[in-house]
Amino acid sequence: MELDKFVSKTLCMISKGVHDAQKECSEYGVIINDAPSSLHKDNGVYGSNYSILQKVEFDVAITTEDTSNGEGKISVLGIGVGGGTHSKDTYTSRVKFNVPISFPREE
């Protein structure tokens, strides 16, 4: 897979994952990718729901596969099922990113 396609596909997959998590976690009062609303020197940065804004860090090993039929795919290392008799080249990379998150406060 060419670098531009790799970067594009990786960023789109991360964005989809964040979007899916936003929808799934909203029922619990969790705000994913929350913007900071205030800063307190002693306690840290607060999100829009007045809870401390935290970052969940990801450091993911991913593989890219180019198969003999011209198709490519990106997978988290160690996850993925395949079969068949096509030849393939596999490359491993690491992607690091973080997502700001505000968990609900106990009232």
N, C-alpha and C. Protein backbone atom coordinates (compact mmCIF):
# COMPACT_ATOMS: atom_id res chain seq x y z
N MET A 1 0.86 -1.18 0.00
CA MET A 1 0.00 0.00 0.00
C MET A 1 0.90 1.23 0.00
N GLU A 2 0.57 2.19 -0.79
CA GLU A 2 1.37 3.41 -0.88
C GLU A 2 1.15 4.26 0.37
N LEU A 3 2.16 5.08 0.71
CA LEU A 3 2.13 5.87 1.93
C LEU A 3 0.90 6.76 2.03
N ASP A 4 0.53 7.45 0.95
CA ASP A 4 -0.62 8.36 1.01
C ASP A 4 -1.91 7.60 1.32
N LYS A 5 -2.07 6.43 0.74
CA LYS A 5 -3.26 5.62 1.01
C LYS A 5 -3.23 5.08 2.44
N PHE A 6 -2.03 4.69 2.90
CA PHE A 6 -1.88 4.20 4.26
C PHE A 6 -2.27 5.28 5.27
N VAL A 7 -1.74 6.49 5.11
CA VAL A 7 -2.05 7.60 6.04
C VAL A 7 -3.53 7.92 5.98
N SER A 8 -4.09 8.03 4.79
CA SER A 8 -5.50 8.36 4.63
C SER A 8 -6.40 7.31 5.28
N LYS A 9 -6.13 6.05 5.00
CA LYS A 9 -6.95 4.97 5.55
C LYS A 9 -6.82 4.91 7.07
N THR A 10 -5.59 5.06 7.59
CA THR A 10 -5.37 5.02 9.03
C THR A 10 -6.13 6.14 9.74
N LEU A 11 -6.02 7.38 9.23
CA LEU A 11 -6.72 8.51 9.85
C LEU A 11 -8.23 8.34 9.77
N CYS A 12 -8.72 7.82 8.66
CA CYS A 12 -10.18 7.59 8.54
C CYS A 12 -10.64 6.52 9.53
N MET A 13 -9.85 5.47 9.72
CA MET A 13 -10.23 4.41 10.65
C MET A 13 -10.19 4.92 12.10
N ILE A 14 -9.20 5.74 12.44
CA ILE A 14 -9.15 6.34 13.78
C ILE A 14 -10.36 7.24 13.98
N SER A 15 -10.68 8.06 12.99
CA SER A 15 -11.82 8.98 13.08
C SER A 15 -13.12 8.21 13.25
N LYS A 16 -13.28 7.12 12.51
CA LYS A 16 -14.49 6.31 12.65
C LYS A 16 -14.57 5.70 14.04
N GLY A 17 -13.43 5.23 14.56
CA GLY A 17 -13.41 4.66 15.90
C GLY A 17 -13.81 5.68 16.96
N VAL A 18 -13.28 6.91 16.85
CA VAL A 18 -13.63 7.98 17.79
C VAL A 18 -15.12 8.31 17.67
N HIS A 19 -15.62 8.42 16.44
CA HIS A 19 -17.03 8.73 16.21
C HIS A 19 -17.95 7.64 16.79
N ASP A 20 -17.60 6.39 16.54
CA ASP A 20 -18.40 5.28 17.09
C ASP A 20 -18.40 5.30 18.61
N ALA A 21 -17.23 5.57 19.21
CA ALA A 21 -17.14 5.63 20.67
C ALA A 21 -17.96 6.79 21.22
N GLN A 22 -17.97 7.94 20.52
CA GLN A 22 -18.77 9.08 20.96
C GLN A 22 -20.25 8.69 21.05
N LYS A 23 -20.74 8.01 20.03
CA LYS A 23 -22.15 7.62 20.02
C LYS A 23 -22.44 6.59 21.12
N GLU A 24 -21.57 5.60 21.26
CA GLU A 24 -21.80 4.54 22.24
C GLU A 24 -21.68 5.03 23.68
N CYS A 25 -20.76 5.94 23.95
CA CYS A 25 -20.49 6.37 25.33
C CYS A 25 -21.36 7.53 25.79
N SER A 26 -22.04 8.21 24.88
CA SER A 26 -22.83 9.38 25.27
C SER A 26 -23.93 9.02 26.26
N GLU A 27 -24.47 7.80 26.17
CA GLU A 27 -25.52 7.39 27.11
C GLU A 27 -25.01 7.27 28.54
N TYR A 28 -23.69 7.21 28.72
CA TYR A 28 -23.10 7.13 30.05
C TYR A 28 -22.62 8.48 30.56
N GLY A 29 -22.85 9.54 29.77
CA GLY A 29 -22.42 10.87 30.17
C GLY A 29 -20.95 11.14 29.88
N VAL A 30 -20.33 10.31 29.08
CA VAL A 30 -18.92 10.46 28.73
C VAL A 30 -18.82 11.32 27.47
N ILE A 31 -17.90 12.25 27.47
CA ILE A 31 -17.67 13.11 26.31
C ILE A 31 -16.29 12.77 25.75
N ILE A 32 -16.28 12.23 24.54
CA ILE A 32 -15.03 11.83 23.90
C ILE A 32 -14.61 12.92 22.93
N ASN A 33 -13.35 13.28 22.98
CA ASN A 33 -12.75 14.38 22.22
C ASN A 33 -13.32 15.72 22.68
N ASP A 34 -13.49 15.84 23.98
CA ASP A 34 -14.03 17.05 24.60
C ASP A 34 -13.00 18.18 24.53
N ALA A 35 -13.48 19.38 24.36
CA ALA A 35 -12.61 20.56 24.36
C ALA A 35 -12.49 21.08 25.80
N PRO A 36 -11.31 21.58 26.16
CA PRO A 36 -11.18 22.12 27.52
C PRO A 36 -12.02 23.37 27.71
N SER A 37 -12.64 23.48 28.90
CA SER A 37 -13.44 24.66 29.17
C SER A 37 -12.77 25.57 30.19
N SER A 38 -11.93 25.00 31.04
CA SER A 38 -11.24 25.84 32.03
C SER A 38 -9.99 25.12 32.52
N LEU A 39 -9.09 25.89 33.08
CA LEU A 39 -7.85 25.35 33.61
C LEU A 39 -7.71 25.81 35.05
N HIS A 40 -7.48 24.86 35.94
CA HIS A 40 -7.22 25.16 37.34
C HIS A 40 -5.82 24.67 37.66
N LYS A 41 -4.99 25.57 38.15
CA LYS A 41 -3.59 25.27 38.39
C LYS A 41 -3.39 24.04 39.27
N ASP A 42 -4.22 23.89 40.28
CA ASP A 42 -4.04 22.79 41.22
C ASP A 42 -4.64 21.47 40.74
N ASN A 43 -5.74 21.54 40.00
CA ASN A 43 -6.48 20.33 39.68
C ASN A 43 -6.37 19.86 38.23
N GLY A 44 -5.91 20.68 37.32
CA GLY A 44 -5.78 20.28 35.94
C GLY A 44 -6.77 20.96 35.02
N VAL A 45 -6.96 20.39 33.86
CA VAL A 45 -7.84 20.94 32.85
C VAL A 45 -9.21 20.27 32.97
N TYR A 46 -10.26 21.10 32.90
CA TYR A 46 -11.62 20.58 33.00
C TYR A 46 -12.29 20.61 31.64
N GLY A 47 -13.12 19.58 31.38
CA GLY A 47 -13.90 19.52 30.16
C GLY A 47 -15.21 20.26 30.29
N SER A 48 -16.03 20.17 29.26
CA SER A 48 -17.29 20.91 29.23
C SER A 48 -18.30 20.43 30.27
N ASN A 49 -18.13 19.22 30.79
CA ASN A 49 -19.04 18.74 31.84
C ASN A 49 -18.42 18.92 33.23
N TYR A 50 -17.39 19.76 33.32
CA TYR A 50 -16.72 20.14 34.57
C TYR A 50 -16.02 18.97 35.26
N SER A 51 -15.71 17.93 34.52
CA SER A 51 -14.87 16.88 35.06
C SER A 51 -13.46 17.07 34.50
N ILE A 52 -12.49 16.47 35.15
CA ILE A 52 -11.11 16.63 34.70
C ILE A 52 -10.95 15.97 33.33
N LEU A 53 -10.40 16.71 32.39
CA LEU A 53 -10.17 16.23 31.05
C LEU A 53 -8.95 15.32 31.05
N GLN A 54 -9.11 14.11 30.58
CA GLN A 54 -8.03 13.14 30.54
C GLN A 54 -7.74 12.77 29.10
N LYS A 55 -6.57 12.22 28.87
CA LYS A 55 -6.22 11.75 27.53
C LYS A 55 -6.01 10.25 27.58
N VAL A 56 -6.66 9.55 26.69
CA VAL A 56 -6.43 8.13 26.51
C VAL A 56 -5.42 8.00 25.38
N GLU A 57 -4.28 7.40 25.71
CA GLU A 57 -3.21 7.30 24.72
C GLU A 57 -3.22 5.92 24.06
N PHE A 58 -3.01 5.93 22.76
CA PHE A 58 -2.94 4.71 21.98
C PHE A 58 -1.57 4.62 21.33
N ASP A 59 -0.98 3.46 21.37
CA ASP A 59 0.26 3.15 20.67
C ASP A 59 0.01 1.79 20.03
N VAL A 60 -0.36 1.80 18.77
CA VAL A 60 -0.88 0.61 18.11
C VAL A 60 0.08 0.14 17.03
N ALA A 61 0.38 -1.16 17.03
CA ALA A 61 1.14 -1.76 15.94
C ALA A 61 0.12 -2.23 14.90
N ILE A 62 0.31 -1.78 13.67
CA ILE A 62 -0.62 -2.15 12.61
C ILE A 62 0.15 -2.75 11.44
N THR A 63 -0.55 -3.56 10.69
CA THR A 63 0.06 -4.15 9.50
C THR A 63 -0.68 -3.67 8.27
N THR A 64 0.04 -3.56 7.18
CA THR A 64 -0.57 -3.30 5.88
C THR A 64 -0.23 -4.48 5.00
N GLU A 65 -1.20 -4.89 4.21
CA GLU A 65 -1.00 -6.01 3.30
C GLU A 65 -1.30 -5.58 1.89
N ASP A 66 -0.41 -5.89 1.00
CA ASP A 66 -0.64 -5.74 -0.43
C ASP A 66 -0.69 -7.15 -1.00
N THR A 67 -1.82 -7.51 -1.59
CA THR A 67 -1.97 -8.85 -2.15
C THR A 67 -1.70 -8.83 -3.64
N SER A 68 -1.51 -10.01 -4.19
CA SER A 68 -1.20 -10.12 -5.61
C SER A 68 -2.34 -9.65 -6.50
N ASN A 69 -3.57 -9.59 -5.96
CA ASN A 69 -4.70 -9.13 -6.77
C ASN A 69 -4.89 -7.61 -6.67
N GLY A 70 -3.94 -6.90 -6.03
CA GLY A 70 -3.97 -5.44 -6.01
C GLY A 70 -4.75 -4.84 -4.86
N GLU A 71 -5.35 -5.66 -4.02
CA GLU A 71 -6.10 -5.12 -2.88
C GLU A 71 -5.15 -4.92 -1.70
N GLY A 72 -5.52 -3.99 -0.84
CA GLY A 72 -4.74 -3.75 0.37
C GLY A 72 -5.65 -3.62 1.56
N LYS A 73 -5.12 -3.90 2.75
CA LYS A 73 -5.91 -3.71 3.96
C LYS A 73 -4.99 -3.34 5.10
N ILE A 74 -5.56 -2.69 6.11
CA ILE A 74 -4.84 -2.30 7.32
C ILE A 74 -5.49 -3.04 8.48
N SER A 75 -4.69 -3.64 9.36
CA SER A 75 -5.20 -4.38 10.51
C SER A 75 -4.36 -4.07 11.73
N VAL A 76 -4.99 -4.16 12.91
CA VAL A 76 -4.24 -4.09 14.15
C VAL A 76 -3.42 -5.37 14.23
N LEU A 77 -2.16 -5.26 14.61
CA LEU A 77 -1.26 -6.40 14.62
C LEU A 77 -1.83 -7.52 15.49
N GLY A 78 -1.83 -8.70 14.95
CA GLY A 78 -2.31 -9.86 15.70
C GLY A 78 -3.78 -10.13 15.52
N ILE A 79 -4.51 -9.19 14.91
CA ILE A 79 -5.93 -9.38 14.67
C ILE A 79 -6.14 -9.43 13.18
N GLY A 80 -6.90 -10.36 12.75
CA GLY A 80 -7.18 -10.47 11.32
C GLY A 80 -7.16 -11.93 10.92
N VAL A 81 -8.09 -12.27 10.08
CA VAL A 81 -8.20 -13.63 9.61
C VAL A 81 -8.16 -13.60 8.09
N GLY A 82 -7.44 -14.49 7.53
CA GLY A 82 -7.38 -14.54 6.08
C GLY A 82 -7.12 -15.94 5.61
N GLY A 83 -7.26 -16.13 4.34
CA GLY A 83 -7.00 -17.44 3.76
C GLY A 83 -6.86 -17.28 2.27
N GLY A 84 -6.66 -18.37 1.62
CA GLY A 84 -6.55 -18.33 0.17
C GLY A 84 -5.13 -18.61 -0.27
N THR A 85 -4.97 -18.54 -1.58
CA THR A 85 -3.67 -18.88 -2.15
C THR A 85 -2.97 -17.69 -2.78
N HIS A 86 -3.44 -16.48 -2.51
CA HIS A 86 -2.82 -15.28 -3.07
C HIS A 86 -1.51 -14.99 -2.36
N SER A 87 -0.53 -14.49 -3.10
CA SER A 87 0.70 -14.05 -2.44
C SER A 87 0.47 -12.66 -1.88
N LYS A 88 1.21 -12.32 -0.81
CA LYS A 88 1.02 -11.01 -0.21
C LYS A 88 2.32 -10.55 0.43
N ASP A 89 2.46 -9.23 0.51
CA ASP A 89 3.56 -8.59 1.23
C ASP A 89 2.95 -7.90 2.43
N THR A 90 3.53 -8.10 3.61
CA THR A 90 3.01 -7.50 4.83
C THR A 90 4.06 -6.57 5.42
N TYR A 91 3.63 -5.37 5.84
CA TYR A 91 4.51 -4.37 6.45
C TYR A 91 3.91 -3.96 7.78
N THR A 92 4.74 -3.75 8.78
CA THR A 92 4.28 -3.37 10.11
C THR A 92 4.72 -1.95 10.42
N SER A 93 3.81 -1.17 11.00
CA SER A 93 4.09 0.20 11.41
C SER A 93 3.48 0.43 12.78
N ARG A 94 3.85 1.52 13.40
CA ARG A 94 3.26 1.93 14.69
C ARG A 94 2.58 3.27 14.49
N VAL A 95 1.43 3.42 15.12
CA VAL A 95 0.69 4.68 15.09
C VAL A 95 0.43 5.07 16.55
N LYS A 96 0.79 6.30 16.91
CA LYS A 96 0.54 6.81 18.26
C LYS A 96 -0.38 8.01 18.17
N PHE A 97 -1.40 8.05 19.03
CA PHE A 97 -2.30 9.19 19.10
C PHE A 97 -2.99 9.16 20.45
N ASN A 98 -3.63 10.27 20.82
CA ASN A 98 -4.42 10.29 22.05
C ASN A 98 -5.73 10.98 21.79
N VAL A 99 -6.70 10.65 22.62
CA VAL A 99 -8.05 11.19 22.50
C VAL A 99 -8.45 11.78 23.85
N PRO A 100 -8.78 13.10 23.91
CA PRO A 100 -9.24 13.69 25.16
C PRO A 100 -10.62 13.13 25.53
N ILE A 101 -10.82 12.87 26.81
CA ILE A 101 -12.09 12.30 27.27
C ILE A 101 -12.47 12.89 28.63
N SER A 102 -13.76 13.16 28.80
CA SER A 102 -14.29 13.62 30.08
C SER A 102 -15.28 12.59 30.60
N PHE A 103 -14.94 11.98 31.71
CA PHE A 103 -15.86 11.03 32.33
C PHE A 103 -16.86 11.81 33.18
N PRO A 104 -18.05 11.28 33.39
CA PRO A 104 -19.04 12.02 34.18
C PRO A 104 -18.58 12.14 35.63
N ARG A 105 -19.00 13.21 36.26
CA ARG A 105 -18.70 13.44 37.67
C ARG A 105 -19.81 12.86 38.53
N GLU A 106 -19.43 12.34 39.67
CA GLU A 106 -20.43 11.90 40.64
C GLU A 106 -21.02 13.12 41.30
N GLU A 107 -22.30 13.20 41.33
CA GLU A 107 -22.98 14.34 41.95
C GLU A 107 -23.30 14.05 43.40
